[in-house]
C-alpha atoms as a PDB file:
ATOM      1  CA  UNK A   1      94.365   9.742  40.733  1.00  0.00           C
ATOM      2  CA  UNK A   2      91.275   9.929  42.933  1.00  0.00           C
ATOM      3  CA  UNK A   3      89.890   6.979  44.858  1.00  0.00           C
ATOM      4  CA  UNK A   4      86.374   5.741  44.142  1.00  0.00           C
ATOM      5  CA  UNK A   5      83.744   7.101  46.508  1.00  0.00           C
ATOM      6  CA  UNK A   6      81.987   4.462  48.583  1.00  0.00           C
ATOM      7  CA  UNK A   7      78.344   5.241  49.113  1.00  0.00           C
ATOM      8  CA  UNK A   8      76.042   3.306  51.377  1.00  0.00           C
ATOM      9  CA  UNK A   9      74.232   1.903  48.342  1.00  0.00           C
ATOM     10  CA  UNK A  10      77.502   0.848  46.665  1.00  0.00           C
ATOM     11  CA  UNK A  11      78.586  -1.037  49.793  1.00  0.00           C
ATOM     12  CA  UNK A  12      75.222  -2.815  49.944  1.00  0.00           C
ATOM     13  CA  UNK A  13      75.385  -3.590  46.212  1.00  0.00           C
ATOM     14  CA  UNK A  14      78.852  -5.131  46.620  1.00  0.00           C
ATOM     15  CA  UNK A  15      77.575  -7.297  49.478  1.00  0.00           C
ATOM     16  CA  UNK A  16      74.576  -8.361  47.377  1.00  0.00           C
ATOM     17  CA  UNK A  17      76.912  -9.535  44.608  1.00  0.00           C
ATOM     18  CA  UNK A  18      78.596 -11.702  47.274  1.00  0.00           C
ATOM     19  CA  UNK A  19      75.262 -13.324  48.139  1.00  0.00           C
ATOM     20  CA  UNK A  20      74.108 -11.118  51.027  1.00  0.00           C
ATOM     21  CA  UNK A  21      70.709 -10.530  49.443  1.00  0.00           C
ATOM     22  CA  UNK A  22      68.370 -10.495  52.440  1.00  0.00           C
ATOM     23  CA  UNK A  23      67.588  -7.721  54.895  1.00  0.00           C
ATOM     24  CA  UNK A  24      67.832  -8.225  58.645  1.00  0.00           C
ATOM     25  CA  UNK A  25      65.994  -6.120  61.221  1.00  0.00           C
ATOM     26  CA  UNK A  26      65.515  -6.169  64.976  1.00  0.00           C
ATOM     27  CA  UNK A  27      62.217  -7.468  66.299  1.00  0.00           C
ATOM     28  CA  UNK A  28      62.257  -7.167  70.078  1.00  0.00           C
ATOM     29  CA  UNK A  29      65.269  -9.225  71.228  1.00  0.00           C
ATOM     30  CA  UNK A  30      65.638 -11.309  68.061  1.00  0.00           C
ATOM     31  CA  UNK A  31      66.659 -10.541  64.508  1.00  0.00           C
ATOM     32  CA  UNK A  32      64.285 -11.039  61.592  1.00  0.00           C
ATOM     33  CA  UNK A  33      65.313 -12.083  58.088  1.00  0.00           C
ATOM     34  CA  UNK A  34      63.383 -10.999  54.996  1.00  0.00           C
ATOM     35  CA  UNK A  35      64.013 -14.279  53.158  1.00  0.00           C
ATOM     36  CA  UNK A  36      62.394 -16.960  55.284  1.00  0.00           C
ATOM     37  CA  UNK A  37      60.477 -14.396  57.377  1.00  0.00           C
ATOM     38  CA  UNK A  38      61.953 -16.076  60.399  1.00  0.00           C
ATOM     39  CA  UNK A  39      63.325 -14.819  63.713  1.00  0.00           C
ATOM     40  CA  UNK A  40      66.803 -15.760  64.895  1.00  0.00           C
ATOM     41  CA  UNK A  41      68.433 -15.789  68.309  1.00  0.00           C
ATOM     42  CA  UNK A  42      72.081 -14.719  68.807  1.00  0.00           C
ATOM     43  CA  UNK A  43      73.391 -18.307  68.694  1.00  0.00           C
ATOM     44  CA  UNK A  44      71.922 -18.731  65.216  1.00  0.00           C
ATOM     45  CA  UNK A  45      73.681 -15.795  63.492  1.00  0.00           C
ATOM     46  CA  UNK A  46      77.287 -14.862  62.772  1.00  0.00           C
ATOM     47  CA  UNK A  47      78.985 -11.715  61.493  1.00  0.00           C
ATOM     48  CA  UNK A  48      80.816 -12.386  58.235  1.00  0.00           C
ATOM     49  CA  UNK A  49      81.863  -8.818  57.347  1.00  0.00           C
ATOM     50  CA  UNK A  50      81.552  -5.315  58.690  1.00  0.00           C
ATOM     51  CA  UNK A  51      81.798  -2.053  56.743  1.00  0.00           C
ATOM     52  CA  UNK A  52      81.967   1.361  58.354  1.00  0.00           C
ATOM     53  CA  UNK A  53      80.408   4.191  56.368  1.00  0.00           C
ATOM     54  CA  UNK A  54      80.675   7.937  56.869  1.00  0.00           C
ATOM     55  CA  UNK A  55      79.150  10.276  54.317  1.00  0.00           C
ATOM     56  CA  UNK A  56      81.325  13.098  55.600  1.00  0.00           C
ATOM     57  CA  UNK A  57      84.652  12.426  57.334  1.00  0.00           C
ATOM     58  CA  UNK A  58      84.123  15.493  59.533  1.00  0.00           C
ATOM     59  CA  UNK A  59      80.717  14.350  60.766  1.00  0.00           C
ATOM     60  CA  UNK A  60      79.894  12.101  63.679  1.00  0.00           C
ATOM     61  CA  UNK A  61      77.013  10.566  61.738  1.00  0.00           C
ATOM     62  CA  UNK A  62      77.456   7.368  59.818  1.00  0.00           C
ATOM     63  CA  UNK A  63      76.502   3.726  59.746  1.00  0.00           C
ATOM     64  CA  UNK A  64      77.903   0.259  60.199  1.00  0.00           C
ATOM     65  CA  UNK A  65      76.835  -2.301  57.618  1.00  0.00           C
ATOM     66  CA  UNK A  66      76.978  -5.870  58.909  1.00  0.00           C
ATOM     67  CA  UNK A  67      77.000  -8.845  56.535  1.00  0.00           C
ATOM     68  CA  UNK A  68      75.360 -11.659  58.488  1.00  0.00           C
ATOM     69  CA  UNK A  69      74.801 -15.358  57.901  1.00  0.00           C
ATOM     70  CA  UNK A  70      72.303 -17.553  59.730  1.00  0.00           C
ATOM     71  CA  UNK A  71      72.825 -21.137  60.828  1.00  0.00           C
ATOM     72  CA  UNK A  72      70.474 -22.271  58.050  1.00  0.00           C
ATOM     73  CA  UNK A  73      72.382 -20.439  55.314  1.00  0.00           C
ATOM     74  CA  UNK A  74      70.533 -17.145  54.806  1.00  0.00           C
ATOM     75  CA  UNK A  75      72.877 -14.244  54.104  1.00  0.00           C
ATOM     76  CA  UNK A  76      71.924 -10.616  54.394  1.00  0.00           C
ATOM     77  CA  UNK A  77      72.629  -7.125  55.622  1.00  0.00           C
ATOM     78  CA  UNK A  78      71.930  -5.329  58.894  1.00  0.00           C
ATOM     79  CA  UNK A  79      72.571  -1.583  59.127  1.00  0.00           C
ATOM     80  CA  UNK A  80      73.030   0.372  62.334  1.00  0.00           C
ATOM     81  CA  UNK A  81      73.720   4.061  62.811  1.00  0.00           C
ATOM     82  CA  UNK A  82      76.734   5.108  64.852  1.00  0.00           C
ATOM     83  CA  UNK A  83      77.088   7.422  67.798  1.00  0.00           C
ATOM     84  CA  UNK A  84      74.092   8.736  69.661  1.00  0.00           C
ATOM     85  CA  UNK A  85      71.776   7.572  66.869  1.00  0.00           C
ATOM     86  CA  UNK A  86      72.818   3.899  67.118  1.00  0.00           C
ATOM     87  CA  UNK A  87      70.056   1.390  67.795  1.00  0.00           C
ATOM     88  CA  UNK A  88      70.935  -0.032  71.209  1.00  0.00           C
ATOM     89  CA  UNK A  89      68.851  -3.173  70.580  1.00  0.00           C
ATOM     90  CA  UNK A  90      71.112  -4.001  67.615  1.00  0.00           C
ATOM     91  CA  UNK A  91      74.217  -3.348  69.723  1.00  0.00           C
ATOM     92  CA  UNK A  92      72.956  -5.653  72.498  1.00  0.00           C
ATOM     93  CA  UNK A  93      72.077  -8.396  69.996  1.00  0.00           C
ATOM     94  CA  UNK A  94      75.478  -8.253  68.274  1.00  0.00           C
ATOM     95  CA  UNK A  95      77.310  -8.456  71.605  1.00  0.00           C
ATOM     96  CA  UNK A  96      75.450 -11.707  72.356  1.00  0.00           C
ATOM     97  CA  UNK A  97      76.680 -13.459  69.210  1.00  0.00           C
ATOM     98  CA  UNK A  98      79.122 -16.312  69.893  1.00  0.00           C
ATOM     99  CA  UNK A  99      82.629 -14.810  69.787  1.00  0.00           C
ATOM    100  CA  UNK A 100      81.145 -11.407  68.957  1.00  0.00           C
ATOM    101  CA  UNK A 101      83.600  -9.309  70.953  1.00  0.00           C
ATOM    102  CA  UNK A 102      86.568 -10.873  69.191  1.00  0.00           C
ATOM    103  CA  UNK A 103      84.825 -10.721  65.781  1.00  0.00           C
ATOM    104  CA  UNK A 104      83.778  -7.085  66.218  1.00  0.00           C
ATOM    105  CA  UNK A 105      87.314  -6.081  67.234  1.00  0.00           C
ATOM    106  CA  UNK A 106      88.865  -7.881  64.242  1.00  0.00           C
ATOM    107  CA  UNK A 107      86.340  -6.413  61.810  1.00  0.00           C
ATOM    108  CA  UNK A 108      86.644  -2.832  63.068  1.00  0.00           C
END
């Protein structure tokens, strides 16, 4: 019996059904949320879930899908590439989140 194939869109869809309906993106050293069109600092965001995605197990390309929640209740998704294509601004922001190192290790 074969296992279901997880695509990037299926992972995002699953997160949306759990309430992670907004999109987050980096804007300089803060993160923007599509819902309230507001910028957040690291102390105002937490990582709830992390999903690692690789289209091809033999490839170094892939993405990490972060399910984030803000201190005022907005839930959404932030996607970062892995490897040499990773957005370093996203990596720096995530490392600044309260307890981020511990959270990132547990979620990996």
